[in-house]
Amino acid sequence: MTTVTIKINERTKAGKAFMAILSEAFVKGADGVEIVETDSKKLIKKNSPYNPEFVKMVLESEKRGDYTDVDPKDVWGSLGLK
């Protein structure tokens, strides 16, 4: 048996479409294929080496949308500090 892990952002248009295709293709009686859904946030909380308060702060910031995406190839430019 082979396990394949795919990360899907269900909030995006592409993520929603991908989940719909998967659900329709495999729910209709496919033997030998099982879709196992996990909530990555639960996994992060459970197995995280980070301080739980830090993880809580980051996840709350994600919900509010008040964060800055940083390009690792141009950190200072991403932060507007050039």
PDB file of N, CA and C in Angstrom:
ATOM      1  N   MET A   1       0.849  -1.172   0.000  1.00  0.00           N
ATOM      2  CA  MET A   1       0.000   0.000   0.000  1.00  0.00           C
ATOM      3  C   MET A   1       0.895   1.236   0.000  1.00  0.00           C
ATOM      4  N   THR A   2       0.480   2.255  -0.730  1.00  0.00           N
ATOM      5  CA  THR A   2       1.198   3.517  -0.807  1.00  0.00           C
ATOM      6  C   THR A   2       0.319   4.621  -0.253  1.00  0.00           C
ATOM      7  N   THR A   3       0.921   5.502   0.549  1.00  0.00           N
ATOM      8  CA  THR A   3       0.197   6.651   1.080  1.00  0.00           C
ATOM      9  C   THR A   3       0.726   7.896   0.395  1.00  0.00           C
ATOM     10  N   VAL A   4      -0.181   8.711  -0.113  1.00  0.00           N
ATOM     11  CA  VAL A   4       0.179   9.966  -0.761  1.00  0.00           C
ATOM     12  C   VAL A   4      -0.478  11.082   0.038  1.00  0.00           C
ATOM     13  N   THR A   5       0.306  12.081   0.416  1.00  0.00           N
ATOM     14  CA  THR A   5      -0.219  13.218   1.160  1.00  0.00           C
ATOM     15  C   THR A   5      -0.245  14.428   0.243  1.00  0.00           C
ATOM     16  N   ILE A   6      -1.397  15.055   0.142  1.00  0.00           N
ATOM     17  CA  ILE A   6      -1.553  16.244  -0.684  1.00  0.00           C
ATOM     18  C   ILE A   6      -2.108  17.348   0.204  1.00  0.00           C
ATOM     19  N   LYS A   7      -1.458  18.497   0.197  1.00  0.00           N
ATOM     20  CA  LYS A   7      -1.964  19.636   0.959  1.00  0.00           C
ATOM     21  C   LYS A   7      -2.857  20.461   0.042  1.00  0.00           C
ATOM     22  N   ILE A   8      -4.087  20.701   0.481  1.00  0.00           N
ATOM     23  CA  ILE A   8      -5.062  21.427  -0.322  1.00  0.00           C
ATOM     24  C   ILE A   8      -5.616  22.573   0.508  1.00  0.00           C
ATOM     25  N   ASN A   9      -5.533  23.771  -0.036  1.00  0.00           N
ATOM     26  CA  ASN A   9      -6.142  24.925   0.621  1.00  0.00           C
ATOM     27  C   ASN A   9      -7.595  24.965   0.155  1.00  0.00           C
ATOM     28  N   GLU A  10      -8.508  24.517   1.007  1.00  0.00           N
ATOM     29  CA  GLU A  10      -9.917  24.407   0.643  1.00  0.00           C
ATOM     30  C   GLU A  10     -10.611  25.760   0.514  1.00  0.00           C
ATOM     31  N   ARG A  11      -9.912  26.824   0.863  1.00  0.00           N
ATOM     32  CA  ARG A  11     -10.512  28.150   0.751  1.00  0.00           C
ATOM     33  C   ARG A  11     -10.308  28.754  -0.638  1.00  0.00           C
ATOM     34  N   THR A  12      -9.433  28.154  -1.446  1.00  0.00           N
ATOM     35  CA  THR A  12      -9.178  28.684  -2.782  1.00  0.00           C
ATOM     36  C   THR A  12     -10.097  28.020  -3.794  1.00  0.00           C
ATOM     37  N   LYS A  13     -10.263  28.669  -4.931  1.00  0.00           N
ATOM     38  CA  LYS A  13     -11.102  28.132  -5.998  1.00  0.00           C
ATOM     39  C   LYS A  13     -10.539  26.788  -6.488  1.00  0.00           C
ATOM     40  N   ALA A  14      -9.221  26.735  -6.676  1.00  0.00           N
ATOM     41  CA  ALA A  14      -8.588  25.504  -7.141  1.00  0.00           C
ATOM     42  C   ALA A  14      -8.716  24.393  -6.102  1.00  0.00           C
ATOM     43  N   GLY A  15      -8.575  24.737  -4.837  1.00  0.00           N
ATOM     44  CA  GLY A  15      -8.699  23.753  -3.767  1.00  0.00           C
ATOM     45  C   GLY A  15     -10.091  23.161  -3.699  1.00  0.00           C
ATOM     46  N   LYS A  16     -11.100  24.026  -3.834  1.00  0.00           N
ATOM     47  CA  LYS A  16     -12.487  23.554  -3.814  1.00  0.00           C
ATOM     48  C   LYS A  16     -12.761  22.631  -4.998  1.00  0.00           C
ATOM     49  N   ALA A  17     -12.261  23.016  -6.169  1.00  0.00           N
ATOM     50  CA  ALA A  17     -12.475  22.198  -7.367  1.00  0.00           C
ATOM     51  C   ALA A  17     -11.780  20.849  -7.235  1.00  0.00           C
ATOM     52  N   PHE A  18     -10.565  20.857  -6.702  1.00  0.00           N
ATOM     53  CA  PHE A  18      -9.817  19.612  -6.531  1.00  0.00           C
ATOM     54  C   PHE A  18     -10.531  18.672  -5.566  1.00  0.00           C
ATOM     55  N   MET A  19     -11.021  19.205  -4.455  1.00  0.00           N
ATOM     56  CA  MET A  19     -11.747  18.382  -3.485  1.00  0.00           C
ATOM     57  C   MET A  19     -13.028  17.818  -4.096  1.00  0.00           C
ATOM     58  N   ALA A  20     -13.708  18.601  -4.906  1.00  0.00           N
ATOM     59  CA  ALA A  20     -14.929  18.128  -5.552  1.00  0.00           C
ATOM     60  C   ALA A  20     -14.623  16.976  -6.505  1.00  0.00           C
ATOM     61  N   ILE A  21     -13.544  17.109  -7.262  1.00  0.00           N
ATOM     62  CA  ILE A  21     -13.145  16.049  -8.198  1.00  0.00           C
ATOM     63  C   ILE A  21     -12.775  14.787  -7.437  1.00  0.00           C
ATOM     64  N   LEU A  22     -11.992  14.924  -6.374  1.00  0.00           N
ATOM     65  CA  LEU A  22     -11.607  13.757  -5.573  1.00  0.00           C
ATOM     66  C   LEU A  22     -12.824  13.064  -4.977  1.00  0.00           C
ATOM     67  N   SER A  23     -13.701  13.842  -4.410  1.00  0.00           N
ATOM     68  CA  SER A  23     -14.884  13.279  -3.761  1.00  0.00           C
ATOM     69  C   SER A  23     -15.748  12.530  -4.764  1.00  0.00           C
ATOM     70  N   GLU A  24     -15.947  13.127  -5.924  1.00  0.00           N
ATOM     71  CA  GLU A  24     -16.805  12.510  -6.927  1.00  0.00           C
ATOM     72  C   GLU A  24     -16.161  11.259  -7.513  1.00  0.00           C
ATOM     73  N   ALA A  25     -14.860  11.287  -7.721  1.00  0.00           N
ATOM     74  CA  ALA A  25     -14.175  10.162  -8.356  1.00  0.00           C
ATOM     75  C   ALA A  25     -14.046   8.962  -7.434  1.00  0.00           C
ATOM     76  N   PHE A  26     -13.795   9.192  -6.152  1.00  0.00           N
ATOM     77  CA  PHE A  26     -13.478   8.071  -5.273  1.00  0.00           C
ATOM     78  C   PHE A  26     -14.609   7.638  -4.352  1.00  0.00           C
ATOM     79  N   VAL A  27     -15.601   8.443  -4.172  1.00  0.00           N
ATOM     80  CA  VAL A  27     -16.683   8.066  -3.276  1.00  0.00           C
ATOM     81  C   VAL A  27     -17.609   7.054  -3.945  1.00  0.00           C
ATOM     82  N   LYS A  28     -17.663   7.084  -5.258  1.00  0.00           N
ATOM     83  CA  LYS A  28     -18.587   6.223  -5.991  1.00  0.00           C
ATOM     84  C   LYS A  28     -18.063   4.793  -6.115  1.00  0.00           C
ATOM     85  N   GLY A  29     -17.846   4.117  -4.986  1.00  0.00           N
ATOM     86  CA  GLY A  29     -17.565   2.691  -4.976  1.00  0.00           C
ATOM     87  C   GLY A  29     -16.189   2.262  -5.445  1.00  0.00           C
ATOM     88  N   ALA A  30     -15.187   3.089  -5.299  1.00  0.00           N
ATOM     89  CA  ALA A  30     -13.840   2.681  -5.701  1.00  0.00           C
ATOM     90  C   ALA A  30     -13.230   1.802  -4.620  1.00  0.00           C
ATOM     91  N   ASP A  31     -12.941   0.559  -4.970  1.00  0.00           N
ATOM     92  CA  ASP A  31     -12.282  -0.340  -4.024  1.00  0.00           C
ATOM     93  C   ASP A  31     -10.778  -0.095  -4.050  1.00  0.00           C
ATOM     94  N   GLY A  32     -10.155  -0.173  -2.905  1.00  0.00           N
ATOM     95  CA  GLY A  32      -8.711  -0.030  -2.830  1.00  0.00           C
ATOM     96  C   GLY A  32      -8.220   1.388  -2.677  1.00  0.00           C
ATOM     97  N   VAL A  33      -9.125   2.354  -2.679  1.00  0.00           N
ATOM     98  CA  VAL A  33      -8.737   3.757  -2.508  1.00  0.00           C
ATOM     99  C   VAL A  33      -9.565   4.331  -1.380  1.00  0.00           C
ATOM    100  N   GLU A  34      -8.890   4.960  -0.449  1.00  0.00           N
ATOM    101  CA  GLU A  34      -9.575   5.548   0.696  1.00  0.00           C
ATOM    102  C   GLU A  34      -9.086   6.971   0.873  1.00  0.00           C
ATOM    103  N   ILE A  35     -10.009   7.897   1.021  1.00  0.00           N
ATOM    104  CA  ILE A  35      -9.646   9.289   1.285  1.00  0.00           C
ATOM    105  C   ILE A  35      -9.697   9.496   2.789  1.00  0.00           C
ATOM    106  N   VAL A  36      -8.566   9.885   3.359  1.00  0.00           N
ATOM    107  CA  VAL A  36      -8.473  10.134   4.792  1.00  0.00           C
ATOM    108  C   VAL A  36      -8.202  11.617   4.958  1.00  0.00           C
ATOM    109  N   GLU A  37      -9.154  12.334   5.531  1.00  0.00           N
ATOM    110  CA  GLU A  37      -8.988  13.765   5.725  1.00  0.00           C
ATOM    111  C   GLU A  37      -8.410  14.032   7.109  1.00  0.00           C
ATOM    112  N   THR A  38      -7.435  14.906   7.155  1.00  0.00           N
ATOM    113  CA  THR A  38      -6.877  15.344   8.430  1.00  0.00           C
ATOM    114  C   THR A  38      -6.835  16.857   8.434  1.00  0.00           C
ATOM    115  N   ASP A  39      -6.973  17.424   9.575  1.00  0.00           N
ATOM    116  CA  ASP A  39      -6.874  18.869   9.724  1.00  0.00           C
ATOM    117  C   ASP A  39      -5.434  19.177  10.107  1.00  0.00           C
ATOM    118  N   SER A  40      -4.701  19.820   9.205  1.00  0.00           N
ATOM    119  CA  SER A  40      -3.285  20.069   9.442  1.00  0.00           C
ATOM    120  C   SER A  40      -3.064  20.908  10.697  1.00  0.00           C
ATOM    121  N   LYS A  41      -4.019  21.767  11.040  1.00  0.00           N
ATOM    122  CA  LYS A  41      -3.856  22.582  12.242  1.00  0.00           C
ATOM    123  C   LYS A  41      -3.881  21.718  13.490  1.00  0.00           C
ATOM    124  N   LYS A  42      -4.704  20.667  13.484  1.00  0.00           N
ATOM    125  CA  LYS A  42      -4.730  19.761  14.623  1.00  0.00           C
ATOM    126  C   LYS A  42      -3.406  19.018  14.736  1.00  0.00           C
ATOM    127  N   LEU A  43      -2.844  18.629  13.594  1.00  0.00           N
ATOM    128  CA  LEU A  43      -1.557  17.934  13.609  1.00  0.00           C
ATOM    129  C   LEU A  43      -0.451  18.846  14.127  1.00  0.00           C
ATOM    130  N   ILE A  44      -0.504  20.108  13.705  1.00  0.00           N
ATOM    131  CA  ILE A  44       0.510  21.061  14.150  1.00  0.00           C
ATOM    132  C   ILE A  44       0.429  21.217  15.669  1.00  0.00           C
ATOM    133  N   LYS A  45      -0.770  21.369  16.191  1.00  0.00           N
ATOM    134  CA  LYS A  45      -0.924  21.553  17.628  1.00  0.00           C
ATOM    135  C   LYS A  45      -0.458  20.321  18.395  1.00  0.00           C
ATOM    136  N   LYS A  46      -0.764  19.148  17.861  1.00  0.00           N
ATOM    137  CA  LYS A  46      -0.461  17.912  18.571  1.00  0.00           C
ATOM    138  C   LYS A  46       1.034  17.588  18.570  1.00  0.00           C
ATOM    139  N   ASN A  47       1.689  17.758  17.415  1.00  0.00           N
ATOM    140  CA  ASN A  47       3.077  17.320  17.274  1.00  0.00           C
ATOM    141  C   ASN A  47       4.074  18.468  17.185  1.00  0.00           C
ATOM    142  N   SER A  48       3.671  19.655  17.510  1.00  0.00           N
ATOM    143  CA  SER A  48       4.523  20.817  17.316  1.00  0.00           C
ATOM    144  C   SER A  48       5.630  20.917  18.361  1.00  0.00           C
ATOM    145  N   PRO A  49       6.848  21.209  17.892  1.00  0.00           N
ATOM    146  CA  PRO A  49       7.938  21.467  18.840  1.00  0.00           C
ATOM    147  C   PRO A  49       7.891  22.904  19.366  1.00  0.00           C
ATOM    148  N   TYR A  50       6.946  23.710  18.837  1.00  0.00           N
ATOM    149  CA  TYR A  50       6.854  25.106  19.210  1.00  0.00           C
ATOM    150  C   TYR A  50       6.034  25.302  20.478  1.00  0.00           C
ATOM    151  N   ASN A  51       6.276  26.404  21.132  1.00  0.00           N
ATOM    152  CA  ASN A  51       5.526  26.800  22.312  1.00  0.00           C
ATOM    153  C   ASN A  51       4.039  26.914  21.937  1.00  0.00           C
ATOM    154  N   PRO A  52       3.140  26.267  22.677  1.00  0.00           N
ATOM    155  CA  PRO A  52       1.713  26.305  22.337  1.00  0.00           C
ATOM    156  C   PRO A  52       1.135  27.718  22.254  1.00  0.00           C
ATOM    157  N   GLU A  53       1.634  28.635  23.059  1.00  0.00           N
ATOM    158  CA  GLU A  53       1.150  30.017  22.998  1.00  0.00           C
ATOM    159  C   GLU A  53       1.548  30.674  21.678  1.00  0.00           C
ATOM    160  N   PHE A  54       2.763  30.372  21.201  1.00  0.00           N
ATOM    161  CA  PHE A  54       3.233  30.906  19.918  1.00  0.00           C
ATOM    162  C   PHE A  54       2.371  30.362  18.783  1.00  0.00           C
ATOM    163  N   VAL A  55       2.092  29.062  18.815  1.00  0.00           N
ATOM    164  CA  VAL A  55       1.263  28.436  17.778  1.00  0.00           C
ATOM    165  C   VAL A  55      -0.129  29.059  17.778  1.00  0.00           C
ATOM    166  N   LYS A  56      -0.687  29.276  18.963  1.00  0.00           N
ATOM    167  CA  LYS A  56      -2.008  29.896  19.082  1.00  0.00           C
ATOM    168  C   LYS A  56      -1.998  31.291  18.471  1.00  0.00           C
ATOM    169  N   MET A  57      -0.959  32.065  18.763  1.00  0.00           N
ATOM    170  CA  MET A  57      -0.847  33.422  18.242  1.00  0.00           C
ATOM    171  C   MET A  57      -0.775  33.412  16.706  1.00  0.00           C
ATOM    172  N   VAL A  58       0.007  32.497  16.143  1.00  0.00           N
ATOM    173  CA  VAL A  58       0.163  32.414  14.696  1.00  0.00           C
ATOM    174  C   VAL A  58      -1.156  32.006  14.031  1.00  0.00           C
ATOM    175  N   LEU A  59      -1.833  31.015  14.582  1.00  0.00           N
ATOM    176  CA  LEU A  59      -3.100  30.553  14.005  1.00  0.00           C
ATOM    177  C   LEU A  59      -4.188  31.622  14.098  1.00  0.00           C
ATOM    178  N   GLU A  60      -4.216  32.375  15.194  1.00  0.00           N
ATOM    179  CA  GLU A  60      -5.191  33.461  15.324  1.00  0.00           C
ATOM    180  C   GLU A  60      -4.904  34.574  14.322  1.00  0.00           C
ATOM    181  N   SER A  61      -3.635  34.859  14.095  1.00  0.00           N
ATOM    182  CA  SER A  61      -3.253  35.863  13.119  1.00  0.00           C
ATOM    183  C   SER A  61      -3.674  35.430  11.716  1.00  0.00           C
ATOM    184  N   GLU A  62      -3.542  34.139  11.440  1.00  0.00           N
ATOM    185  CA  GLU A  62      -3.958  33.613  10.138  1.00  0.00           C
ATOM    186  C   GLU A  62      -5.464  33.790   9.941  1.00  0.00           C
ATOM    187  N   LYS A  63      -6.244  33.539  10.984  1.00  0.00           N
ATOM    188  CA  LYS A  63      -7.700  33.699  10.896  1.00  0.00           C
ATOM    189  C   LYS A  63      -8.076  35.148  10.608  1.00  0.00           C
ATOM    190  N   ARG A  64      -7.378  36.082  11.280  1.00  0.00           N
ATOM    191  CA  ARG A  64      -7.683  37.505  11.106  1.00  0.00           C
ATOM    192  C   ARG A  64      -7.159  38.029   9.779  1.00  0.00           C
ATOM    193  N   GLY A  65      -6.143  37.387   9.238  1.00  0.00           N
ATOM    194  CA  GLY A  65      -5.554  37.833   7.978  1.00  0.00           C
ATOM    195  C   GLY A  65      -4.560  38.966   8.137  1.00  0.00           C
ATOM    196  N   ASP A  66      -4.102  39.220   9.357  1.00  0.00           N
ATOM    197  CA  ASP A  66      -3.161  40.316   9.590  1.00  0.00           C
ATOM    198  C   ASP A  66      -1.723  39.806   9.694  1.00  0.00           C
ATOM    199  N   TYR A  67      -1.260  39.233   8.590  1.00  0.00           N
ATOM    200  CA  TYR A  67       0.114  38.732   8.545  1.00  0.00           C
ATOM    201  C   TYR A  67       0.729  39.145   7.213  1.00  0.00           C
ATOM    202  N   THR A  68       2.031  39.023   7.098  1.00  0.00           N
ATOM    203  CA  THR A  68       2.748  39.381   5.887  1.00  0.00           C
ATOM    204  C   THR A  68       3.438  38.152   5.328  1.00  0.00           C
ATOM    205  N   ASP A  69       3.173  37.853   4.057  1.00  0.00           N
ATOM    206  CA  ASP A  69       3.893  36.765   3.399  1.00  0.00           C
ATOM    207  C   ASP A  69       5.291  37.261   3.078  1.00  0.00           C
ATOM    208  N   VAL A  70       6.285  36.448   3.409  1.00  0.00           N
ATOM    209  CA  VAL A  70       7.679  36.831   3.189  1.00  0.00           C
ATOM    210  C   VAL A  70       8.293  35.902   2.160  1.00  0.00           C
ATOM    211  N   ASP A  71       8.885  36.501   1.121  1.00  0.00           N
ATOM    212  CA  ASP A  71       9.595  35.739   0.095  1.00  0.00           C
ATOM    213  C   ASP A  71      10.995  35.455   0.624  1.00  0.00           C
ATOM    214  N   PRO A  72      11.368  34.189   0.842  1.00  0.00           N
ATOM    215  CA  PRO A  72      12.681  33.890   1.410  1.00  0.00           C
ATOM    216  C   PRO A  72      13.845  34.331   0.519  1.00  0.00           C
ATOM    217  N   LYS A  73      13.568  34.559  -0.757  1.00  0.00           N
ATOM    218  CA  LYS A  73      14.635  35.022  -1.660  1.00  0.00           C
ATOM    219  C   LYS A  73      14.819  36.531  -1.594  1.00  0.00           C
ATOM    220  N   ASP A  74      13.828  37.234  -1.018  1.00  0.00           N
ATOM    221  CA  ASP A  74      13.889  38.690  -0.901  1.00  0.00           C
ATOM    222  C   ASP A  74      13.178  39.126   0.380  1.00  0.00           C
ATOM    223  N   VAL A  75      13.753  38.760   1.517  1.00  0.00           N
ATOM    224  CA  VAL A  75      13.109  39.043   2.804  1.00  0.00           C
ATOM    225  C   VAL A  75      12.899  40.527   3.007  1.00  0.00           C
ATOM    226  N   TRP A  76      13.935  41.319   2.811  1.00  0.00           N
ATOM    227  CA  TRP A  76      13.818  42.758   3.071  1.00  0.00           C
ATOM    228  C   TRP A  76      12.850  43.419   2.124  1.00  0.00           C
ATOM    229  N   GLY A  77      12.844  43.000   0.860  1.00  0.00           N
ATOM    230  CA  GLY A  77      11.891  43.547  -0.105  1.00  0.00           C
ATOM    231  C   GLY A  77      10.468  43.184   0.244  1.00  0.00           C
ATOM    232  N   SER A  78      10.249  41.959   0.716  1.00  0.00           N
ATOM    233  CA  SER A  78       8.913  41.515   1.103  1.00  0.00           C
ATOM    234  C   SER A  78       8.364  42.346   2.262  1.00  0.00           C
ATOM    235  N   LEU A  79       9.250  42.785   3.124  1.00  0.00           N
ATOM    236  CA  LEU A  79       8.843  43.575   4.291  1.00  0.00           C
ATOM    237  C   LEU A  79       8.810  45.071   3.992  1.00  0.00           C
ATOM    238  N   GLY A  80       9.188  45.450   2.760  1.00  0.00           N
ATOM    239  CA  GLY A  80       9.184  46.858   2.394  1.00  0.00           C
ATOM    240  C   GLY A  80      10.317  47.633   3.037  1.00  0.00           C
ATOM    241  N   LEU A  81      11.437  46.956   3.321  1.00  0.00           N
ATOM    242  CA  LEU A  81      12.548  47.600   4.022  1.00  0.00           C
ATOM    243  C   LEU A  81      13.782  47.766   3.148  1.00  0.00           C
ATOM    244  N   LYS A  82      13.610  47.896   1.847  1.00  0.00           N
ATOM    245  CA  LYS A  82      14.769  48.089   0.960  1.00  0.00           C
ATOM    246  C   LYS A  82      15.212  49.518   0.989  1.00  0.00           C
TER     247      LYS A  82
END
